Protein backbone atom coordinates (compact mmCIF):
# COMPACT_ATOMS: atom_id res chain seq x y z
CA MET A 1 84.09 55.54 0.45
CA ARG A 2 81.07 55.22 2.72
CA SER A 3 79.32 51.87 3.33
CA ILE A 4 75.56 51.61 3.83
CA ARG A 5 74.10 48.75 5.89
CA VAL A 6 71.30 46.94 4.05
CA GLU A 7 68.38 45.77 6.21
CA THR A 8 67.38 42.25 5.12
CA SER A 9 65.04 41.13 7.93
CA GLY A 10 61.85 41.99 6.01
CA ALA A 11 63.09 40.82 2.62
CA THR A 12 63.11 37.49 0.83
CA VAL A 13 66.51 36.66 -0.64
CA LEU A 14 66.87 33.75 -3.09
CA LEU A 15 70.15 32.31 -4.41
CA THR A 16 70.33 32.63 -8.22
CA GLU A 17 74.06 31.99 -8.88
CA ALA A 18 76.21 29.57 -6.90
CA PRO A 19 79.27 30.99 -5.12
CA GLU A 20 82.45 30.97 -7.19
CA PRO A 21 85.83 32.65 -6.71
CA LYS A 22 85.72 36.33 -7.62
CA VAL A 23 88.15 37.20 -10.44
CA ARG A 24 90.15 40.36 -9.82
CA ASP A 25 91.84 40.54 -13.21
CA ARG A 26 90.13 38.87 -16.17
CA GLN A 27 93.28 39.12 -18.31
CA THR A 28 95.48 37.14 -15.88
CA GLY A 29 92.77 35.15 -14.08
CA GLU A 30 93.97 36.51 -10.72
CA ILE A 31 91.50 35.68 -7.93
CA ALA A 32 90.37 38.53 -5.64
CA LYS A 33 91.54 38.46 -2.03
CA ASP A 34 90.35 40.42 1.00
CA ALA A 35 92.72 43.37 1.51
CA GLN A 36 92.94 42.84 5.28
CA SER A 37 92.81 39.06 5.78
CA GLY A 38 94.12 37.81 2.42
CA GLU A 39 91.18 35.40 2.26
CA THR A 40 89.72 34.41 -1.13
CA LEU A 41 86.56 36.33 -2.02
CA MET A 42 83.55 34.56 -3.50
CA ARG A 43 80.95 36.06 -5.87
CA LEU A 44 77.32 34.94 -5.95
CA GLY A 45 73.99 36.12 -7.29
CA VAL A 46 70.76 36.66 -5.40
CA VAL A 47 67.35 38.12 -6.06
CA TYR A 48 66.37 40.52 -3.27
CA ILE A 49 62.59 40.87 -2.89
CA ASP A 50 61.14 43.54 -0.60
CA GLY A 51 57.94 45.57 -0.67
CA GLY A 52 56.71 43.98 -3.88
CA GLU A 53 59.88 44.91 -5.80
CA SER A 54 62.83 42.73 -6.73
CA SER A 55 66.45 43.35 -7.67
CA LEU A 56 69.18 41.05 -8.93
CA LEU A 57 72.35 41.58 -6.90
CA GLN A 58 75.91 40.32 -7.18
CA VAL A 59 77.30 39.88 -3.67
CA THR A 60 80.88 39.31 -2.52
CA VAL A 61 81.43 37.07 0.54
CA PRO A 62 84.68 35.80 2.07
CA GLU A 63 85.19 32.09 1.39
CA SER A 64 84.88 31.23 5.10
CA GLY A 65 81.45 32.91 5.15
CA VAL A 66 79.94 30.56 2.55
CA THR A 67 77.91 27.95 4.45
CA GLU A 68 77.31 24.40 3.20
CA GLY A 69 73.84 23.43 2.01
CA LEU A 70 73.17 26.35 -0.35
CA ALA A 71 70.86 25.43 -3.24
CA LEU A 72 69.95 27.48 -6.30
CA GLY A 73 66.47 28.99 -6.02
CA SER A 74 66.38 28.50 -2.26
CA PRO A 75 66.03 31.25 0.33
CA VAL A 76 69.24 32.45 1.95
CA THR A 77 70.25 34.80 4.72
CA LEU A 78 72.97 37.39 4.08
CA PHE A 79 74.69 38.40 7.31
CA GLY A 80 76.22 41.89 7.56
CA LEU A 81 75.14 42.96 4.06
CA ILE A 82 76.46 46.39 3.06
CA ALA A 83 76.24 48.48 -0.10
CA ARG A 84 79.20 50.59 -1.20
CA PRO A 85 78.93 53.10 -4.08
CA TRP A 86 81.87 53.07 -6.51
CA GLU A 87 83.05 54.86 -9.61
CA ASN A 88 86.03 54.64 -11.95
CA VAL A 89 87.17 55.47 -15.45
CA PHE A 90 87.50 52.55 -17.88
CA ASN A 91 88.65 53.11 -21.48
CA GLY A 92 88.03 56.83 -21.04
CA GLN A 93 84.44 56.37 -19.88
CA GLN A 94 83.16 57.17 -16.40
CA ARG A 95 81.48 54.14 -14.78
CA HIS A 96 79.68 53.86 -11.47
CA GLY A 97 77.56 51.44 -9.49
CA ILE A 98 76.95 49.83 -6.14
CA ALA A 99 78.99 46.91 -4.81
CA PHE A 100 77.37 44.57 -2.29
CA ARG A 101 79.33 42.64 0.31
CA ALA A 102 78.24 40.34 3.13
CA ASP A 103 80.10 38.72 6.01
CA ALA A 104 78.38 35.38 5.39
CA ILE A 105 75.60 33.56 3.54
CA ALA A 106 73.59 30.61 4.85
CA PRO A 107 70.42 28.69 3.92
CA ALA A 108 67.28 30.32 5.34
CA ALA A 109 63.86 29.02 6.27
CA MET A 110 61.11 29.34 3.67
CA PRO A 111 59.05 32.54 4.23
CA VAL A 112 55.80 31.99 6.14
CA GLY A 113 52.98 31.11 3.76
CA ALA A 114 55.28 30.28 0.85
CA GLY A 115 54.23 27.22 -1.02
CA ALA A 116 50.90 26.97 0.79
CA GLY A 117 47.95 26.42 -1.51
CA ALA A 118 45.14 28.91 -0.96
């Protein structure tokens, strides 16, 4: 399936859910691994704000791409963010969505003018 690069340079991205191992199978508790490297995948939540609109996103990042110093509510930078459409059939019902994946996540500087009293 095709991947679409997501431009983040003009957006504000805030961490809303701390990184935790992504569960592949909820029944067995199996942790998701990268198909190529075998590395553990982490799941985290962010709010993506751009052009006056915001979206809550769940993003998958390899464990080695999670940088120290991340704090809930703080701005972050997502490196190599892509969106990949998906669809499947679950319990006889067609489901679809967009999966987001990044190469890495790191703390970012506060946007210019943020927090300044006017």
